[in-house]
N, C-alpha and C. Protein backbone atom coordinates (compact mmCIF):
# COMPACT_ATOMS: atom_id res chain seq x y z
N LYS A 1 -21.08 114.87 215.49
CA LYS A 1 -20.80 115.78 214.39
C LYS A 1 -19.82 116.87 214.81
N ARG A 2 -20.04 117.39 216.04
CA ARG A 2 -19.15 118.47 216.50
C ARG A 2 -17.70 118.01 216.52
N VAL A 3 -17.44 116.82 217.06
CA VAL A 3 -16.07 116.33 217.16
C VAL A 3 -15.45 116.23 215.76
N GLY A 4 -16.22 115.80 214.79
CA GLY A 4 -15.72 115.73 213.42
C GLY A 4 -15.36 117.09 212.86
N HIS A 5 -16.24 118.05 213.08
CA HIS A 5 -15.99 119.41 212.57
C HIS A 5 -14.86 120.10 213.33
N TYR A 6 -14.80 119.92 214.65
CA TYR A 6 -13.66 120.48 215.40
C TYR A 6 -12.37 119.88 214.87
N SER A 7 -12.37 118.57 214.68
CA SER A 7 -11.15 117.87 214.23
C SER A 7 -10.72 118.33 212.85
N ARG A 8 -11.69 118.48 211.95
CA ARG A 8 -11.36 118.93 210.60
C ARG A 8 -10.74 120.32 210.64
N LEU A 9 -11.33 121.22 211.45
CA LEU A 9 -10.81 122.58 211.55
C LEU A 9 -9.38 122.58 212.11
N ILE A 10 -9.15 121.83 213.18
CA ILE A 10 -7.80 121.76 213.76
C ILE A 10 -6.82 121.20 212.73
N ALA A 11 -7.22 120.14 212.04
CA ALA A 11 -6.35 119.53 211.02
C ALA A 11 -6.02 120.53 209.92
N GLU A 12 -7.02 121.26 209.47
CA GLU A 12 -6.81 122.26 208.43
C GLU A 12 -5.83 123.33 208.90
N LYS A 13 -5.98 123.79 210.13
CA LYS A 13 -5.11 124.83 210.67
C LYS A 13 -3.69 124.30 210.90
N LEU A 14 -3.55 122.98 211.02
CA LEU A 14 -2.22 122.37 211.13
C LEU A 14 -1.58 122.13 209.76
N GLY A 15 -2.31 122.46 208.69
CA GLY A 15 -1.76 122.35 207.35
C GLY A 15 -2.16 121.10 206.59
N MET A 16 -3.06 120.30 207.15
CA MET A 16 -3.53 119.11 206.44
C MET A 16 -4.43 119.57 205.29
N THR A 17 -4.50 118.74 204.26
CA THR A 17 -5.29 119.09 203.08
C THR A 17 -6.01 117.87 202.52
N GLY A 18 -6.81 118.11 201.52
CA GLY A 18 -7.41 117.07 200.69
C GLY A 18 -8.16 115.98 201.41
N HIS A 19 -7.83 114.74 201.02
CA HIS A 19 -8.55 113.57 201.54
C HIS A 19 -8.46 113.44 203.05
N PHE A 20 -7.35 113.87 203.64
CA PHE A 20 -7.22 113.77 205.10
C PHE A 20 -8.33 114.57 205.78
N LEU A 21 -8.60 115.77 205.29
CA LEU A 21 -9.65 116.61 205.89
C LEU A 21 -11.02 115.96 205.74
N ASP A 22 -11.28 115.39 204.57
CA ASP A 22 -12.56 114.69 204.36
C ASP A 22 -12.67 113.48 205.27
N ASP A 23 -11.58 112.72 205.35
CA ASP A 23 -11.59 111.50 206.16
C ASP A 23 -11.73 111.79 207.65
N ILE A 24 -11.02 112.80 208.15
CA ILE A 24 -11.10 113.07 209.59
C ILE A 24 -12.49 113.60 209.96
N LEU A 25 -13.11 114.34 209.07
CA LEU A 25 -14.48 114.80 209.31
C LEU A 25 -15.42 113.62 209.50
N ARG A 26 -15.25 112.59 208.66
CA ARG A 26 -16.11 111.40 208.75
C ARG A 26 -15.68 110.45 209.86
N ALA A 27 -14.38 110.35 210.10
CA ALA A 27 -13.85 109.35 211.04
C ALA A 27 -13.91 109.79 212.50
N ALA A 28 -13.67 111.06 212.77
CA ALA A 28 -13.59 111.52 214.16
C ALA A 28 -14.84 111.22 214.98
N PRO A 29 -16.05 111.37 214.42
CA PRO A 29 -17.23 111.05 215.22
C PRO A 29 -17.32 109.57 215.64
N MET A 30 -16.51 108.73 215.03
CA MET A 30 -16.51 107.30 215.38
C MET A 30 -15.45 106.97 216.43
N HIS A 31 -14.85 107.99 217.05
CA HIS A 31 -13.75 107.75 218.00
C HIS A 31 -14.15 106.82 219.13
N ASP A 32 -15.40 106.83 219.54
CA ASP A 32 -15.87 105.98 220.64
C ASP A 32 -16.66 104.78 220.15
N LEU A 33 -16.44 104.37 218.92
CA LEU A 33 -17.13 103.22 218.34
C LEU A 33 -17.06 101.99 219.25
N GLY A 34 -15.94 101.81 219.92
CA GLY A 34 -15.77 100.65 220.79
C GLY A 34 -16.68 100.65 222.00
N LYS A 35 -17.29 101.78 222.31
CA LYS A 35 -18.21 101.81 223.44
C LYS A 35 -19.46 100.97 223.19
N ILE A 36 -19.63 100.53 221.95
CA ILE A 36 -20.74 99.63 221.65
C ILE A 36 -20.60 98.33 222.47
N GLY A 37 -19.38 98.02 222.87
CA GLY A 37 -19.12 96.81 223.66
C GLY A 37 -19.09 97.04 225.16
N ILE A 38 -19.41 98.27 225.59
CA ILE A 38 -19.39 98.60 227.02
C ILE A 38 -20.84 98.60 227.53
N PRO A 39 -21.10 97.93 228.64
CA PRO A 39 -22.48 97.89 229.17
C PRO A 39 -23.02 99.28 229.48
N ASP A 40 -24.32 99.47 229.21
CA ASP A 40 -24.98 100.74 229.52
C ASP A 40 -24.87 101.10 231.00
N SER A 41 -24.82 100.10 231.86
CA SER A 41 -24.70 100.38 233.29
C SER A 41 -23.43 101.15 233.61
N ILE A 42 -22.42 101.00 232.77
CA ILE A 42 -21.17 101.76 232.94
C ILE A 42 -21.24 103.06 232.16
N LEU A 43 -21.67 102.99 230.90
CA LEU A 43 -21.72 104.19 230.05
C LEU A 43 -22.62 105.27 230.62
N LEU A 44 -23.72 104.88 231.20
CA LEU A 44 -24.72 105.85 231.65
C LEU A 44 -24.72 106.04 233.16
N LYS A 45 -23.70 105.53 233.81
CA LYS A 45 -23.65 105.62 235.27
C LYS A 45 -23.62 107.08 235.71
N ASN A 46 -24.43 107.38 236.68
CA ASN A 46 -24.48 108.73 237.23
C ASN A 46 -23.54 108.76 238.44
N GLY A 47 -22.32 109.13 238.22
CA GLY A 47 -21.33 109.15 239.27
C GLY A 47 -20.03 108.53 238.82
N LYS A 48 -19.08 108.45 239.74
CA LYS A 48 -17.75 107.93 239.43
C LYS A 48 -17.79 106.42 239.16
N LEU A 49 -16.94 105.99 238.25
CA LEU A 49 -16.79 104.57 237.98
C LEU A 49 -15.89 103.93 239.02
N THR A 50 -16.15 102.69 239.33
CA THR A 50 -15.26 101.92 240.20
C THR A 50 -14.02 101.55 239.40
N GLU A 51 -12.98 101.06 240.06
CA GLU A 51 -11.77 100.63 239.35
C GLU A 51 -12.09 99.51 238.36
N GLU A 52 -12.96 98.59 238.75
CA GLU A 52 -13.35 97.49 237.86
C GLU A 52 -14.08 98.02 236.62
N GLU A 53 -14.95 99.01 236.83
CA GLU A 53 -15.66 99.61 235.70
C GLU A 53 -14.71 100.36 234.79
N TRP A 54 -13.68 101.01 235.36
CA TRP A 54 -12.69 101.72 234.54
C TRP A 54 -11.90 100.74 233.69
N VAL A 55 -11.59 99.58 234.22
CA VAL A 55 -10.87 98.57 233.43
C VAL A 55 -11.69 98.21 232.20
N ILE A 56 -12.98 98.02 232.40
CA ILE A 56 -13.87 97.69 231.27
C ILE A 56 -13.93 98.86 230.29
N MET A 57 -14.13 100.08 230.82
CA MET A 57 -14.24 101.27 229.97
C MET A 57 -12.96 101.49 229.16
N ARG A 58 -11.81 101.25 229.75
CA ARG A 58 -10.55 101.45 229.05
C ARG A 58 -10.33 100.44 227.91
N GLY A 59 -11.23 99.49 227.79
CA GLY A 59 -11.14 98.55 226.67
C GLY A 59 -11.76 99.06 225.38
N HIS A 60 -12.48 100.19 225.45
CA HIS A 60 -13.18 100.63 224.25
C HIS A 60 -12.27 101.07 223.09
N PRO A 61 -11.08 101.61 223.31
CA PRO A 61 -10.25 101.95 222.15
C PRO A 61 -9.86 100.71 221.31
N GLU A 62 -9.48 99.63 221.97
CA GLU A 62 -9.12 98.40 221.25
C GLU A 62 -10.34 97.82 220.53
N MET A 63 -11.50 97.85 221.19
CA MET A 63 -12.72 97.34 220.55
C MET A 63 -13.06 98.15 219.30
N GLY A 64 -12.98 99.48 219.41
CA GLY A 64 -13.27 100.33 218.26
C GLY A 64 -12.30 100.09 217.12
N TYR A 65 -11.02 99.91 217.47
CA TYR A 65 -10.01 99.63 216.44
C TYR A 65 -10.34 98.32 215.71
N LYS A 66 -10.67 97.29 216.46
CA LYS A 66 -10.98 95.98 215.85
C LYS A 66 -12.17 96.08 214.91
N ILE A 67 -13.17 96.85 215.28
CA ILE A 67 -14.36 96.99 214.44
C ILE A 67 -14.03 97.76 213.16
N ALA A 68 -13.44 98.95 213.30
CA ALA A 68 -13.21 99.83 212.15
C ALA A 68 -12.11 99.34 211.22
N SER A 69 -11.12 98.63 211.76
CA SER A 69 -9.98 98.22 210.93
C SER A 69 -10.34 97.13 209.93
N LYS A 70 -11.51 96.56 210.04
CA LYS A 70 -11.92 95.50 209.10
C LYS A 70 -12.31 96.04 207.75
N SER A 71 -12.51 97.35 207.64
CA SER A 71 -12.90 97.98 206.39
C SER A 71 -11.66 98.42 205.62
N GLY A 72 -11.76 98.40 204.31
CA GLY A 72 -10.68 98.90 203.48
C GLY A 72 -10.84 100.37 203.12
N CYS A 73 -11.94 100.97 203.51
CA CYS A 73 -12.24 102.38 203.22
C CYS A 73 -11.28 103.28 203.98
N SER A 74 -10.77 104.31 203.34
CA SER A 74 -9.76 105.18 203.97
C SER A 74 -10.31 105.88 205.21
N SER A 75 -11.56 106.32 205.19
CA SER A 75 -12.08 106.99 206.38
C SER A 75 -12.29 106.00 207.53
N MET A 76 -12.60 104.75 207.22
CA MET A 76 -12.74 103.74 208.28
C MET A 76 -11.37 103.33 208.81
N GLN A 77 -10.36 103.30 207.98
CA GLN A 77 -9.01 103.02 208.47
C GLN A 77 -8.55 104.14 209.41
N LEU A 78 -8.87 105.38 209.05
CA LEU A 78 -8.54 106.50 209.93
C LEU A 78 -9.38 106.42 211.21
N ALA A 79 -10.63 106.00 211.10
CA ALA A 79 -11.48 105.83 212.29
C ALA A 79 -10.86 104.79 213.23
N ALA A 80 -10.30 103.73 212.67
CA ALA A 80 -9.65 102.70 213.49
C ALA A 80 -8.45 103.29 214.23
N GLU A 81 -7.63 104.04 213.51
CA GLU A 81 -6.46 104.69 214.11
C GLU A 81 -6.88 105.65 215.22
N ILE A 82 -7.93 106.42 214.97
CA ILE A 82 -8.43 107.38 215.96
C ILE A 82 -9.01 106.66 217.16
N ALA A 83 -9.81 105.64 216.91
CA ALA A 83 -10.42 104.89 218.02
C ALA A 83 -9.33 104.37 218.96
N LEU A 84 -8.26 103.86 218.38
CA LEU A 84 -7.17 103.27 219.16
C LEU A 84 -6.36 104.31 219.92
N THR A 85 -6.22 105.52 219.37
CA THR A 85 -5.23 106.47 219.92
C THR A 85 -5.81 107.73 220.56
N HIS A 86 -7.13 107.90 220.59
CA HIS A 86 -7.68 109.17 221.09
C HIS A 86 -7.62 109.31 222.61
N HIS A 87 -7.23 108.26 223.32
CA HIS A 87 -7.02 108.38 224.78
C HIS A 87 -5.54 108.30 225.16
N GLU A 88 -4.68 108.33 224.17
CA GLU A 88 -3.25 108.45 224.46
C GLU A 88 -3.00 109.90 224.87
N LYS A 89 -2.02 110.12 225.71
CA LYS A 89 -1.69 111.47 226.16
C LYS A 89 -0.30 111.84 225.67
N PHE A 90 -0.12 113.11 225.37
CA PHE A 90 1.13 113.59 224.82
C PHE A 90 2.32 113.24 225.72
N ASN A 91 2.08 113.18 227.05
CA ASN A 91 3.15 112.87 227.99
C ASN A 91 3.39 111.37 228.18
N GLY A 92 2.65 110.54 227.46
CA GLY A 92 2.84 109.09 227.53
C GLY A 92 2.04 108.39 228.61
N LYS A 93 1.19 109.11 229.32
CA LYS A 93 0.45 108.52 230.44
C LYS A 93 -0.99 108.14 230.07
N GLY A 94 -1.27 108.03 228.79
CA GLY A 94 -2.61 107.66 228.35
C GLY A 94 -2.74 106.16 228.16
N TYR A 95 -3.82 105.78 227.50
CA TYR A 95 -4.08 104.36 227.26
C TYR A 95 -4.66 104.20 225.86
N PRO A 96 -4.61 103.04 225.26
CA PRO A 96 -4.26 101.74 225.83
C PRO A 96 -2.78 101.37 225.75
N ARG A 97 -2.00 102.11 224.99
CA ARG A 97 -0.61 101.67 224.75
C ARG A 97 0.46 102.57 225.37
N GLY A 98 0.08 103.67 225.99
CA GLY A 98 1.06 104.56 226.61
C GLY A 98 1.96 105.25 225.60
N MET A 99 1.41 105.52 224.41
CA MET A 99 2.19 106.22 223.39
C MET A 99 2.46 107.64 223.85
N LYS A 100 3.53 108.24 223.28
CA LYS A 100 3.98 109.55 223.73
C LYS A 100 4.29 110.47 222.55
N GLY A 101 3.98 111.75 222.71
CA GLY A 101 4.38 112.77 221.74
C GLY A 101 4.00 112.45 220.32
N ASP A 102 4.96 112.64 219.42
CA ASP A 102 4.72 112.44 218.00
C ASP A 102 4.60 110.97 217.62
N ASP A 103 4.79 110.04 218.57
CA ASP A 103 4.52 108.63 218.30
C ASP A 103 3.02 108.39 218.18
N ILE A 104 2.23 109.28 218.77
CA ILE A 104 0.78 109.21 218.63
C ILE A 104 0.44 109.79 217.26
N PRO A 105 -0.30 109.06 216.43
CA PRO A 105 -0.67 109.62 215.12
C PRO A 105 -1.36 110.97 215.28
N ILE A 106 -1.13 111.86 214.34
CA ILE A 106 -1.71 113.20 214.41
C ILE A 106 -3.23 113.12 214.51
N SER A 107 -3.83 112.14 213.88
CA SER A 107 -5.29 112.01 213.96
C SER A 107 -5.74 111.79 215.40
N GLY A 108 -5.05 110.95 216.14
CA GLY A 108 -5.38 110.71 217.54
C GLY A 108 -5.14 111.92 218.41
N ARG A 109 -4.06 112.66 218.12
CA ARG A 109 -3.77 113.88 218.89
C ARG A 109 -4.83 114.94 218.66
N ILE A 110 -5.28 115.07 217.42
CA ILE A 110 -6.32 116.04 217.09
C ILE A 110 -7.63 115.68 217.77
N VAL A 111 -8.05 114.43 217.62
CA VAL A 111 -9.35 114.02 218.15
C VAL A 111 -9.34 113.98 219.67
N ALA A 112 -8.21 113.70 220.29
CA ALA A 112 -8.13 113.75 221.76
C ALA A 112 -8.56 115.13 222.24
N LEU A 113 -8.04 116.17 221.62
CA LEU A 113 -8.38 117.54 222.01
C LEU A 113 -9.82 117.88 221.65
N ALA A 114 -10.24 117.55 220.45
CA ALA A 114 -11.61 117.85 220.02
C ALA A 114 -12.63 117.15 220.92
N ASP A 115 -12.35 115.91 221.27
CA ASP A 115 -13.24 115.13 222.11
C ASP A 115 -13.34 115.71 223.51
N VAL A 116 -12.20 116.06 224.11
CA VAL A 116 -12.23 116.62 225.47
C VAL A 116 -12.91 117.99 225.46
N PHE A 117 -12.61 118.81 224.46
CA PHE A 117 -13.30 120.10 224.37
C PHE A 117 -14.81 119.88 224.32
N ASP A 118 -15.25 118.96 223.49
CA ASP A 118 -16.68 118.69 223.37
C ASP A 118 -17.25 118.13 224.67
N ALA A 119 -16.54 117.22 225.30
CA ALA A 119 -17.02 116.62 226.55
C ALA A 119 -17.14 117.66 227.66
N LEU A 120 -16.16 118.52 227.77
CA LEU A 120 -16.20 119.54 228.82
C LEU A 120 -17.28 120.59 228.57
N SER A 121 -17.55 120.87 227.30
CA SER A 121 -18.46 121.97 226.97
C SER A 121 -19.92 121.54 226.84
N THR A 122 -20.20 120.26 227.04
CA THR A 122 -21.58 119.78 226.95
C THR A 122 -21.95 119.01 228.21
N GLU A 123 -23.24 119.01 228.49
CA GLU A 123 -23.74 118.25 229.63
C GLU A 123 -23.75 116.77 229.29
N ARG A 124 -23.38 115.95 230.24
CA ARG A 124 -23.39 114.50 230.09
C ARG A 124 -24.20 113.91 231.25
N PRO A 125 -24.58 112.63 231.16
CA PRO A 125 -25.37 112.04 232.25
C PRO A 125 -24.68 112.15 233.61
N TYR A 126 -23.37 112.23 233.59
CA TYR A 126 -22.59 112.22 234.83
C TYR A 126 -22.02 113.58 235.22
N LYS A 127 -22.29 114.66 234.42
CA LYS A 127 -21.72 115.96 234.77
C LYS A 127 -22.41 117.10 234.01
N LYS A 128 -22.29 118.29 234.56
CA LYS A 128 -22.76 119.51 233.91
C LYS A 128 -21.68 120.00 232.94
N ALA A 129 -22.08 120.83 231.99
CA ALA A 129 -21.10 121.48 231.11
C ALA A 129 -20.28 122.47 231.93
N TRP A 130 -19.00 122.58 231.59
CA TRP A 130 -18.12 123.53 232.26
C TRP A 130 -18.28 124.91 231.62
N PRO A 131 -18.05 125.97 232.38
CA PRO A 131 -17.99 127.32 231.79
C PRO A 131 -16.77 127.41 230.84
N MET A 132 -16.92 128.19 229.79
CA MET A 132 -15.87 128.26 228.76
C MET A 132 -14.52 128.70 229.34
N ASP A 133 -14.49 129.64 230.27
CA ASP A 133 -13.21 130.09 230.81
C ASP A 133 -12.49 128.94 231.52
N GLN A 134 -13.22 128.07 232.20
CA GLN A 134 -12.60 126.91 232.87
C GLN A 134 -12.11 125.88 231.86
N ILE A 135 -12.86 125.70 230.78
CA ILE A 135 -12.45 124.76 229.72
C ILE A 135 -11.12 125.23 229.13
N LEU A 136 -11.04 126.50 228.78
CA LEU A 136 -9.83 127.03 228.16
C LEU A 136 -8.65 126.98 229.12
N GLU A 137 -8.90 127.24 230.39
CA GLU A 137 -7.85 127.15 231.40
C GLU A 137 -7.32 125.71 231.50
N GLU A 138 -8.23 124.75 231.49
CA GLU A 138 -7.82 123.34 231.57
C GLU A 138 -7.04 122.92 230.33
N ILE A 139 -7.49 123.32 229.16
CA ILE A 139 -6.79 122.98 227.93
C ILE A 139 -5.37 123.56 227.94
N LYS A 140 -5.24 124.81 228.35
CA LYS A 140 -3.91 125.44 228.43
C LYS A 140 -3.04 124.71 229.44
N LYS A 141 -3.62 124.33 230.57
CA LYS A 141 -2.88 123.61 231.61
C LYS A 141 -2.39 122.25 231.10
N GLN A 142 -3.17 121.61 230.23
CA GLN A 142 -2.84 120.27 229.73
C GLN A 142 -2.02 120.29 228.44
N LYS A 143 -1.66 121.47 227.96
CA LYS A 143 -0.83 121.61 226.76
C LYS A 143 0.53 120.98 227.04
N GLY A 144 0.92 120.01 226.23
CA GLY A 144 2.18 119.31 226.41
C GLY A 144 2.10 118.16 227.40
N GLU A 145 1.00 118.07 228.13
CA GLU A 145 0.77 116.96 229.07
C GLU A 145 -0.20 115.99 228.41
N TYR A 146 -1.48 116.34 228.43
CA TYR A 146 -2.49 115.51 227.77
C TYR A 146 -2.49 115.80 226.27
N PHE A 147 -2.40 117.07 225.90
CA PHE A 147 -2.62 117.47 224.52
C PHE A 147 -1.35 117.90 223.80
N CYS A 148 -1.33 117.64 222.51
CA CYS A 148 -0.27 118.09 221.61
C CYS A 148 -0.27 119.62 221.58
N PRO A 149 0.88 120.24 221.86
CA PRO A 149 0.92 121.71 221.85
C PRO A 149 0.46 122.35 220.55
N LYS A 150 0.82 121.76 219.41
CA LYS A 150 0.40 122.33 218.12
C LYS A 150 -1.12 122.29 217.96
N CYS A 151 -1.73 121.22 218.44
CA CYS A 151 -3.19 121.11 218.36
C CYS A 151 -3.86 122.14 219.26
N VAL A 152 -3.33 122.31 220.46
CA VAL A 152 -3.88 123.31 221.38
C VAL A 152 -3.79 124.70 220.75
N ASP A 153 -2.64 125.03 220.19
CA ASP A 153 -2.48 126.34 219.55
C ASP A 153 -3.49 126.52 218.43
N ALA A 154 -3.69 125.48 217.62
CA ALA A 154 -4.65 125.58 216.50
C ALA A 154 -6.06 125.81 217.02
N LEU A 155 -6.44 125.13 218.09
CA LEU A 155 -7.78 125.34 218.67
C LEU A 155 -7.92 126.75 219.23
N LEU A 156 -6.95 127.17 220.04
CA LEU A 156 -7.05 128.47 220.70
C LEU A 156 -7.00 129.63 219.72
N GLU A 157 -6.16 129.50 218.69
CA GLU A 157 -6.04 130.57 217.70
C GLU A 157 -7.27 130.68 216.80
N ASN A 158 -8.13 129.66 216.84
CA ASN A 158 -9.32 129.64 215.99
C ASN A 158 -10.58 129.40 216.82
N LEU A 159 -10.56 129.90 218.04
CA LEU A 159 -11.65 129.67 218.98
C LEU A 159 -12.99 130.19 218.45
N ASP A 160 -12.98 131.31 217.75
CA ASP A 160 -14.24 131.84 217.20
C ASP A 160 -14.89 130.82 216.27
N GLU A 161 -14.09 130.17 215.42
CA GLU A 161 -14.62 129.17 214.50
C GLU A 161 -15.07 127.92 215.25
N ILE A 162 -14.33 127.55 216.29
CA ILE A 162 -14.70 126.40 217.13
C ILE A 162 -16.07 126.66 217.77
N LEU A 163 -16.26 127.86 218.31
CA LEU A 163 -17.52 128.19 218.97
C LEU A 163 -18.68 128.27 217.97
N LYS A 164 -18.40 128.66 216.74
CA LYS A 164 -19.45 128.63 215.70
C LYS A 164 -19.89 127.20 215.43
N ILE A 165 -18.93 126.28 215.39
CA ILE A 165 -19.27 124.86 215.20
C ILE A 165 -20.14 124.38 216.36
N LYS A 166 -19.74 124.73 217.57
CA LYS A 166 -20.51 124.32 218.76
C LYS A 166 -21.96 124.79 218.65
N MET A 167 -22.17 126.02 218.21
CA MET A 167 -23.52 126.57 218.08
C MET A 167 -24.27 125.94 216.90
N GLN A 168 -23.54 125.59 215.87
CA GLN A 168 -24.17 125.01 214.66
C GLN A 168 -24.73 123.61 214.93
N PHE A 169 -24.13 122.88 215.86
CA PHE A 169 -24.54 121.51 216.15
C PHE A 169 -24.89 121.35 217.63
N PRO A 170 -26.01 121.93 218.06
CA PRO A 170 -26.37 121.82 219.48
C PRO A 170 -26.83 120.40 219.81
N ASP A 171 -26.78 120.07 221.11
CA ASP A 171 -27.36 118.81 221.56
C ASP A 171 -28.87 118.89 221.40
N HIS A 172 -29.46 117.75 221.13
CA HIS A 172 -30.92 117.71 221.02
C HIS A 172 -31.51 117.35 222.37
N GLU A 173 -32.62 117.95 222.67
CA GLU A 173 -33.29 117.68 223.95
C GLU A 173 -33.80 116.26 223.97
């Protein structure tokens, strides 16, 4: 839910309106839909993945795209686009296709940032949550590298609202 709400807020601050905002709210939480095809032994591994495990994990964007693209619903079509592109990096060094800059759909650029913010700010089986000052430092450092500069600016300029979303949707014990 958080990723959807972060994404909607960033999209709104970038000037998106109407159905796009509704669709990204519903679609963004499905960004990792393809992980349904990844073994739990990899997803829940406590520690670093091996190179072989990373090859398997890097297949989840294509799997998610294949699943979501079968629907004619606009939010599912956007979910397919997001699933495929949320691990692309603004500098072209992401996966699965090595897309760069504005060639990455805005939905993927938005969700890439929302997803990383959420991942860094919450505890996962393989890591502790980062302190907020370190998260913001990393996001600023990755502006123009991993993340779209406009998306970073939208997140940073609206950090109070982002943090309200984080508090509104806590992890469940």
